[in-house]
Amino acid sequence: MSQKKPEIAPEWMRVTEAAAILDCDPRTVIAMIRRGELNVRIVQLGLAARIHRGDWQAELERRIAVGVGA
């Protein structure tokens, strides 16, 4: 019997995707979230963390409006 991978709703993105957008290491993204520099919801699924896409988009827009480097 083969096991299916759990399906992740499309509104959740991988931390590696966010890191690629910011051109940094995924650990940097996690550290920024922990320090409160990125205001996004994050969930931990086993070893993989996921970021809410809507929060991510709003945060990028906020950073652009304020003039913080993305």
PDB file of N, CA and C in Angstrom:
ATOM      1  N   MET A   1       0.842  -1.180   0.000  1.00  0.00           N
ATOM      2  CA  MET A   1       0.000   0.000   0.000  1.00  0.00           C
ATOM      3  C   MET A   1       0.894   1.252   0.000  1.00  0.00           C
ATOM      4  N   SER A   2       0.705   2.111  -0.985  1.00  0.00           N
ATOM      5  CA  SER A   2       1.521   3.328  -1.046  1.00  0.00           C
ATOM      6  C   SER A   2       0.855   4.437  -0.246  1.00  0.00           C
ATOM      7  N   GLN A   3       1.699   5.249   0.352  1.00  0.00           N
ATOM      8  CA  GLN A   3       1.186   6.362   1.138  1.00  0.00           C
ATOM      9  C   GLN A   3       1.189   7.619   0.290  1.00  0.00           C
ATOM     10  N   LYS A   4       0.111   8.368   0.413  1.00  0.00           N
ATOM     11  CA  LYS A   4       0.019   9.644  -0.288  1.00  0.00           C
ATOM     12  C   LYS A   4       0.693  10.716   0.551  1.00  0.00           C
ATOM     13  N   LYS A   5       1.293  11.665  -0.125  1.00  0.00           N
ATOM     14  CA  LYS A   5       1.828  12.825   0.578  1.00  0.00           C
ATOM     15  C   LYS A   5       0.653  13.698   0.988  1.00  0.00           C
ATOM     16  N   PRO A   6       0.734  14.320   2.158  1.00  0.00           N
ATOM     17  CA  PRO A   6      -0.376  15.200   2.558  1.00  0.00           C
ATOM     18  C   PRO A   6      -0.456  16.395   1.616  1.00  0.00           C
ATOM     19  N   GLU A   7      -1.679  16.738   1.255  1.00  0.00           N
ATOM     20  CA  GLU A   7      -1.866  17.886   0.379  1.00  0.00           C
ATOM     21  C   GLU A   7      -1.833  19.169   1.199  1.00  0.00           C
ATOM     22  N   ILE A   8      -1.083  20.124   0.716  1.00  0.00           N
ATOM     23  CA  ILE A   8      -0.982  21.423   1.370  1.00  0.00           C
ATOM     24  C   ILE A   8      -1.827  22.406   0.560  1.00  0.00           C
ATOM     25  N   ALA A   9      -2.696  23.116   1.232  1.00  0.00           N
ATOM     26  CA  ALA A   9      -3.554  24.078   0.553  1.00  0.00           C
ATOM     27  C   ALA A   9      -2.693  25.113  -0.168  1.00  0.00           C
ATOM     28  N   PRO A  10      -3.134  25.555  -1.348  1.00  0.00           N
ATOM     29  CA  PRO A  10      -2.325  26.492  -2.134  1.00  0.00           C
ATOM     30  C   PRO A  10      -2.087  27.833  -1.457  1.00  0.00           C
ATOM     31  N   GLU A  11      -2.841  28.128  -0.409  1.00  0.00           N
ATOM     32  CA  GLU A  11      -2.607  29.419   0.265  1.00  0.00           C
ATOM     33  C   GLU A  11      -1.389  29.388   1.177  1.00  0.00           C
ATOM     34  N   TRP A  12      -0.745  28.256   1.299  1.00  0.00           N
ATOM     35  CA  TRP A  12       0.469  28.133   2.116  1.00  0.00           C
ATOM     36  C   TRP A  12       1.662  27.872   1.212  1.00  0.00           C
ATOM     37  N   MET A  13       2.714  28.656   1.362  1.00  0.00           N
ATOM     38  CA  MET A  13       3.915  28.516   0.541  1.00  0.00           C
ATOM     39  C   MET A  13       5.089  28.042   1.378  1.00  0.00           C
ATOM     40  N   ARG A  14       6.045  27.452   0.721  1.00  0.00           N
ATOM     41  CA  ARG A  14       7.242  26.986   1.408  1.00  0.00           C
ATOM     42  C   ARG A  14       8.136  28.166   1.790  1.00  0.00           C
ATOM     43  N   VAL A  15       8.840  28.015   2.876  1.00  0.00           N
ATOM     44  CA  VAL A  15       9.790  29.043   3.301  1.00  0.00           C
ATOM     45  C   VAL A  15      10.864  29.223   2.229  1.00  0.00           C
ATOM     46  N   THR A  16      11.202  28.147   1.535  1.00  0.00           N
ATOM     47  CA  THR A  16      12.212  28.261   0.475  1.00  0.00           C
ATOM     48  C   THR A  16      11.741  29.184  -0.652  1.00  0.00           C
ATOM     49  N   GLU A  17      10.420  29.226  -0.910  1.00  0.00           N
ATOM     50  CA  GLU A  17       9.888  30.146  -1.916  1.00  0.00           C
ATOM     51  C   GLU A  17      10.081  31.589  -1.466  1.00  0.00           C
ATOM     52  N   ALA A  18       9.779  31.849  -0.211  1.00  0.00           N
ATOM     53  CA  ALA A  18       9.952  33.199   0.329  1.00  0.00           C
ATOM     54  C   ALA A  18      11.425  33.596   0.299  1.00  0.00           C
ATOM     55  N   ALA A  19      12.289  32.659   0.646  1.00  0.00           N
ATOM     56  CA  ALA A  19      13.725  32.935   0.639  1.00  0.00           C
ATOM     57  C   ALA A  19      14.212  33.269  -0.765  1.00  0.00           C
ATOM     58  N   ALA A  20      13.685  32.570  -1.758  1.00  0.00           N
ATOM     59  CA  ALA A  20      14.080  32.847  -3.133  1.00  0.00           C
ATOM     60  C   ALA A  20      13.660  34.257  -3.550  1.00  0.00           C
ATOM     61  N   ILE A  21      12.479  34.675  -3.110  1.00  0.00           N
ATOM     62  CA  ILE A  21      12.003  36.024  -3.427  1.00  0.00           C
ATOM     63  C   ILE A  21      12.896  37.077  -2.782  1.00  0.00           C
ATOM     64  N   LEU A  22      13.310  36.824  -1.544  1.00  0.00           N
ATOM     65  CA  LEU A  22      14.169  37.771  -0.828  1.00  0.00           C
ATOM     66  C   LEU A  22      15.651  37.573  -1.145  1.00  0.00           C
ATOM     67  N   ASP A  23      15.967  36.536  -1.921  1.00  0.00           N
ATOM     68  CA  ASP A  23      17.342  36.198  -2.274  1.00  0.00           C
ATOM     69  C   ASP A  23      18.193  35.986  -1.022  1.00  0.00           C
ATOM     70  N   CYS A  24      17.687  35.107  -0.154  1.00  0.00           N
ATOM     71  CA  CYS A  24      18.410  34.798   1.072  1.00  0.00           C
ATOM     72  C   CYS A  24      18.195  33.329   1.427  1.00  0.00           C
ATOM     73  N   ASP A  25      18.808  32.892   2.488  1.00  0.00           N
ATOM     74  CA  ASP A  25      18.688  31.526   2.976  1.00  0.00           C
ATOM     75  C   ASP A  25      17.346  31.359   3.692  1.00  0.00           C
ATOM     76  N   PRO A  26      16.704  30.202   3.584  1.00  0.00           N
ATOM     77  CA  PRO A  26      15.446  29.980   4.305  1.00  0.00           C
ATOM     78  C   PRO A  26      15.575  30.205   5.812  1.00  0.00           C
ATOM     79  N   ARG A  27      16.734  29.910   6.384  1.00  0.00           N
ATOM     80  CA  ARG A  27      16.927  30.155   7.826  1.00  0.00           C
ATOM     81  C   ARG A  27      16.840  31.637   8.152  1.00  0.00           C
ATOM     82  N   THR A  28      17.245  32.482   7.198  1.00  0.00           N
ATOM     83  CA  THR A  28      17.143  33.924   7.399  1.00  0.00           C
ATOM     84  C   THR A  28      15.682  34.347   7.462  1.00  0.00           C
ATOM     85  N   VAL A  29      14.850  33.766   6.604  1.00  0.00           N
ATOM     86  CA  VAL A  29      13.419  34.082   6.612  1.00  0.00           C
ATOM     87  C   VAL A  29      12.811  33.697   7.958  1.00  0.00           C
ATOM     88  N   ILE A  30      13.127  32.495   8.443  1.00  0.00           N
ATOM     89  CA  ILE A  30      12.609  32.048   9.742  1.00  0.00           C
ATOM     90  C   ILE A  30      13.071  32.992  10.844  1.00  0.00           C
ATOM     91  N   ALA A  31      14.331  33.396  10.810  1.00  0.00           N
ATOM     92  CA  ALA A  31      14.861  34.319  11.825  1.00  0.00           C
ATOM     93  C   ALA A  31      14.149  35.664  11.755  1.00  0.00           C
ATOM     94  N   MET A  32      13.879  36.161  10.545  1.00  0.00           N
ATOM     95  CA  MET A  32      13.170  37.432  10.390  1.00  0.00           C
ATOM     96  C   MET A  32      11.762  37.344  10.960  1.00  0.00           C
ATOM     97  N   ILE A  33      11.111  36.208  10.767  1.00  0.00           N
ATOM     98  CA  ILE A  33       9.767  36.019  11.313  1.00  0.00           C
ATOM     99  C   ILE A  33       9.837  36.002  12.839  1.00  0.00           C
ATOM    100  N   ARG A  34      10.777  35.277  13.384  1.00  0.00           N
ATOM    101  CA  ARG A  34      10.917  35.190  14.853  1.00  0.00           C
ATOM    102  C   ARG A  34      11.236  36.538  15.482  1.00  0.00           C
ATOM    103  N   ARG A  35      11.998  37.379  14.776  1.00  0.00           N
ATOM    104  CA  ARG A  35      12.347  38.711  15.295  1.00  0.00           C
ATOM    105  C   ARG A  35      11.226  39.720  15.065  1.00  0.00           C
ATOM    106  N   GLY A  36      10.179  39.315  14.353  1.00  0.00           N
ATOM    107  CA  GLY A  36       9.065  40.224  14.088  1.00  0.00           C
ATOM    108  C   GLY A  36       9.291  41.139  12.896  1.00  0.00           C
ATOM    109  N   GLU A  37      10.314  40.873  12.089  1.00  0.00           N
ATOM    110  CA  GLU A  37      10.591  41.697  10.922  1.00  0.00           C
ATOM    111  C   GLU A  37       9.649  41.379   9.765  1.00  0.00           C
ATOM    112  N   LEU A  38       9.116  40.181   9.739  1.00  0.00           N
ATOM    113  CA  LEU A  38       8.120  39.786   8.748  1.00  0.00           C
ATOM    114  C   LEU A  38       6.852  39.409   9.504  1.00  0.00           C
ATOM    115  N   ASN A  39       5.775  40.108   9.222  1.00  0.00           N
ATOM    116  CA  ASN A  39       4.516  39.871   9.915  1.00  0.00           C
ATOM    117  C   ASN A  39       3.664  38.907   9.092  1.00  0.00           C
ATOM    118  N   VAL A  40       3.935  37.610   9.257  1.00  0.00           N
ATOM    119  CA  VAL A  40       3.219  36.581   8.506  1.00  0.00           C
ATOM    120  C   VAL A  40       2.863  35.421   9.430  1.00  0.00           C
ATOM    121  N   ARG A  41       1.773  34.730   9.071  1.00  0.00           N
ATOM    122  CA  ARG A  41       1.440  33.502   9.792  1.00  0.00           C
ATOM    123  C   ARG A  41       2.305  32.384   9.237  1.00  0.00           C
ATOM    124  N   ILE A  42       2.748  31.517  10.123  1.00  0.00           N
ATOM    125  CA  ILE A  42       3.580  30.399   9.713  1.00  0.00           C
ATOM    126  C   ILE A  42       3.101  29.156  10.444  1.00  0.00           C
ATOM    127  N   VAL A  43       3.106  28.030   9.750  1.00  0.00           N
ATOM    128  CA  VAL A  43       2.745  26.762  10.374  1.00  0.00           C
ATOM    129  C   VAL A  43       3.910  25.800  10.175  1.00  0.00           C
ATOM    130  N   GLN A  44       4.064  24.926  11.119  1.00  0.00           N
ATOM    131  CA  GLN A  44       5.103  23.905  11.054  1.00  0.00           C
ATOM    132  C   GLN A  44       4.438  22.573  10.750  1.00  0.00           C
ATOM    133  N   LEU A  45       4.830  21.955   9.655  1.00  0.00           N
ATOM    134  CA  LEU A  45       4.299  20.658   9.263  1.00  0.00           C
ATOM    135  C   LEU A  45       5.465  19.676   9.254  1.00  0.00           C
ATOM    136  N   GLY A  46       5.633  18.977  10.362  1.00  0.00           N
ATOM    137  CA  GLY A  46       6.799  18.106  10.476  1.00  0.00           C
ATOM    138  C   GLY A  46       8.050  18.965  10.480  1.00  0.00           C
ATOM    139  N   LEU A  47       8.943  18.729   9.558  1.00  0.00           N
ATOM    140  CA  LEU A  47      10.161  19.526   9.459  1.00  0.00           C
ATOM    141  C   LEU A  47       9.990  20.742   8.558  1.00  0.00           C
ATOM    142  N   ALA A  48       8.884  20.797   7.824  1.00  0.00           N
ATOM    143  CA  ALA A  48       8.686  21.878   6.855  1.00  0.00           C
ATOM    144  C   ALA A  48       7.791  22.972   7.426  1.00  0.00           C
ATOM    145  N   ALA A  49       8.233  24.199   7.274  1.00  0.00           N
ATOM    146  CA  ALA A  49       7.435  25.356   7.680  1.00  0.00           C
ATOM    147  C   ALA A  49       6.759  25.930   6.438  1.00  0.00           C
ATOM    148  N   ARG A  50       5.569  26.461   6.621  1.00  0.00           N
ATOM    149  CA  ARG A  50       4.830  27.075   5.522  1.00  0.00           C
ATOM    150  C   ARG A  50       4.376  28.466   5.955  1.00  0.00           C
ATOM    151  N   ILE A  51       4.357  29.378   4.987  1.00  0.00           N
ATOM    152  CA  ILE A  51       3.959  30.770   5.217  1.00  0.00           C
ATOM    153  C   ILE A  51       2.652  31.014   4.465  1.00  0.00           C
ATOM    154  N   HIS A  52       1.742  31.738   5.090  1.00  0.00           N
ATOM    155  CA  HIS A  52       0.470  32.059   4.452  1.00  0.00           C
ATOM    156  C   HIS A  52       0.725  33.044   3.304  1.00  0.00           C
ATOM    157  N   ARG A  53       0.283  32.666   2.089  1.00  0.00           N
ATOM    158  CA  ARG A  53       0.545  33.491   0.900  1.00  0.00           C
ATOM    159  C   ARG A  53      -0.071  34.886   0.994  1.00  0.00           C
ATOM    160  N   GLY A  54      -1.275  34.978   1.522  1.00  0.00           N
ATOM    161  CA  GLY A  54      -1.918  36.294   1.659  1.00  0.00           C
ATOM    162  C   GLY A  54      -1.136  37.204   2.583  1.00  0.00           C
ATOM    163  N   ASP A  55      -0.675  36.655   3.698  1.00  0.00           N
ATOM    164  CA  ASP A  55       0.148  37.429   4.625  1.00  0.00           C
ATOM    165  C   ASP A  55       1.445  37.862   3.949  1.00  0.00           C
ATOM    166  N   TRP A  56       2.033  36.923   3.203  1.00  0.00           N
ATOM    167  CA  TRP A  56       3.303  37.206   2.520  1.00  0.00           C
ATOM    168  C   TRP A  56       3.126  38.350   1.526  1.00  0.00           C
ATOM    169  N   GLN A  57       2.062  38.301   0.725  1.00  0.00           N
ATOM    170  CA  GLN A  57       1.813  39.352  -0.256  1.00  0.00           C
ATOM    171  C   GLN A  57       1.596  40.701   0.434  1.00  0.00           C
ATOM    172  N   ALA A  58       0.811  40.703   1.504  1.00  0.00           N
ATOM    173  CA  ALA A  58       0.562  41.945   2.244  1.00  0.00           C
ATOM    174  C   ALA A  58       1.859  42.486   2.839  1.00  0.00           C
ATOM    175  N   GLU A  59       2.693  41.604   3.341  1.00  0.00           N
ATOM    176  CA  GLU A  59       3.965  42.030   3.929  1.00  0.00           C
ATOM    177  C   GLU A  59       4.891  42.620   2.868  1.00  0.00           C
ATOM    178  N   LEU A  60       4.948  42.001   1.703  1.00  0.00           N
ATOM    179  CA  LEU A  60       5.782  42.553   0.631  1.00  0.00           C
ATOM    180  C   LEU A  60       5.279  43.929   0.206  1.00  0.00           C
ATOM    181  N   GLU A  61       3.964  44.074   0.088  1.00  0.00           N
ATOM    182  CA  GLU A  61       3.387  45.372  -0.276  1.00  0.00           C
ATOM    183  C   GLU A  61       3.684  46.422   0.789  1.00  0.00           C
ATOM    184  N   ARG A  62       3.598  46.033   2.065  1.00  0.00           N
ATOM    185  CA  ARG A  62       3.902  46.959   3.155  1.00  0.00           C
ATOM    186  C   ARG A  62       5.363  47.385   3.094  1.00  0.00           C
ATOM    187  N   ARG A  63       6.255  46.426   2.858  1.00  0.00           N
ATOM    188  CA  ARG A  63       7.681  46.725   2.807  1.00  0.00           C
ATOM    189  C   ARG A  63       8.006  47.663   1.650  1.00  0.00           C
ATOM    190  N   ILE A  64       7.328  47.477   0.516  1.00  0.00           N
ATOM    191  CA  ILE A  64       7.540  48.356  -0.633  1.00  0.00           C
ATOM    192  C   ILE A  64       7.043  49.760  -0.306  1.00  0.00           C
ATOM    193  N   ALA A  65       5.859  49.870   0.303  1.00  0.00           N
ATOM    194  CA  ALA A  65       5.274  51.163   0.644  1.00  0.00           C
ATOM    195  C   ALA A  65       6.141  51.937   1.636  1.00  0.00           C
ATOM    196  N   VAL A  66       6.744  51.222   2.568  1.00  0.00           N
ATOM    197  CA  VAL A  66       7.564  51.864   3.603  1.00  0.00           C
ATOM    198  C   VAL A  66       8.987  52.100   3.104  1.00  0.00           C
ATOM    199  N   GLY A  67       9.345  51.408   2.033  1.00  0.00           N
ATOM    200  CA  GLY A  67      10.688  51.571   1.502  1.00  0.00           C
ATOM    201  C   GLY A  67      11.712  50.636   2.113  1.00  0.00           C
ATOM    202  N   VAL A  68      11.234  49.531   2.701  1.00  0.00           N
ATOM    203  CA  VAL A  68      12.143  48.530   3.261  1.00  0.00           C
ATOM    204  C   VAL A  68      12.511  47.587   2.141  1.00  0.00           C
ATOM    205  N   GLY A  69      13.791  47.247   2.018  1.00  0.00           N
ATOM    206  CA  GLY A  69      14.225  46.328   0.962  1.00  0.00           C
ATOM    207  C   GLY A  69      13.547  44.990   1.071  1.00  0.00           C
ATOM    208  N   ALA A  70      13.074  44.490  -0.048  1.00  0.00           N
ATOM    209  CA  ALA A  70      12.412  43.179  -0.059  1.00  0.00           C
ATOM    210  C   ALA A  70      13.394  42.104  -0.434  1.00  0.00           C
TER     211      ALA A  70
END
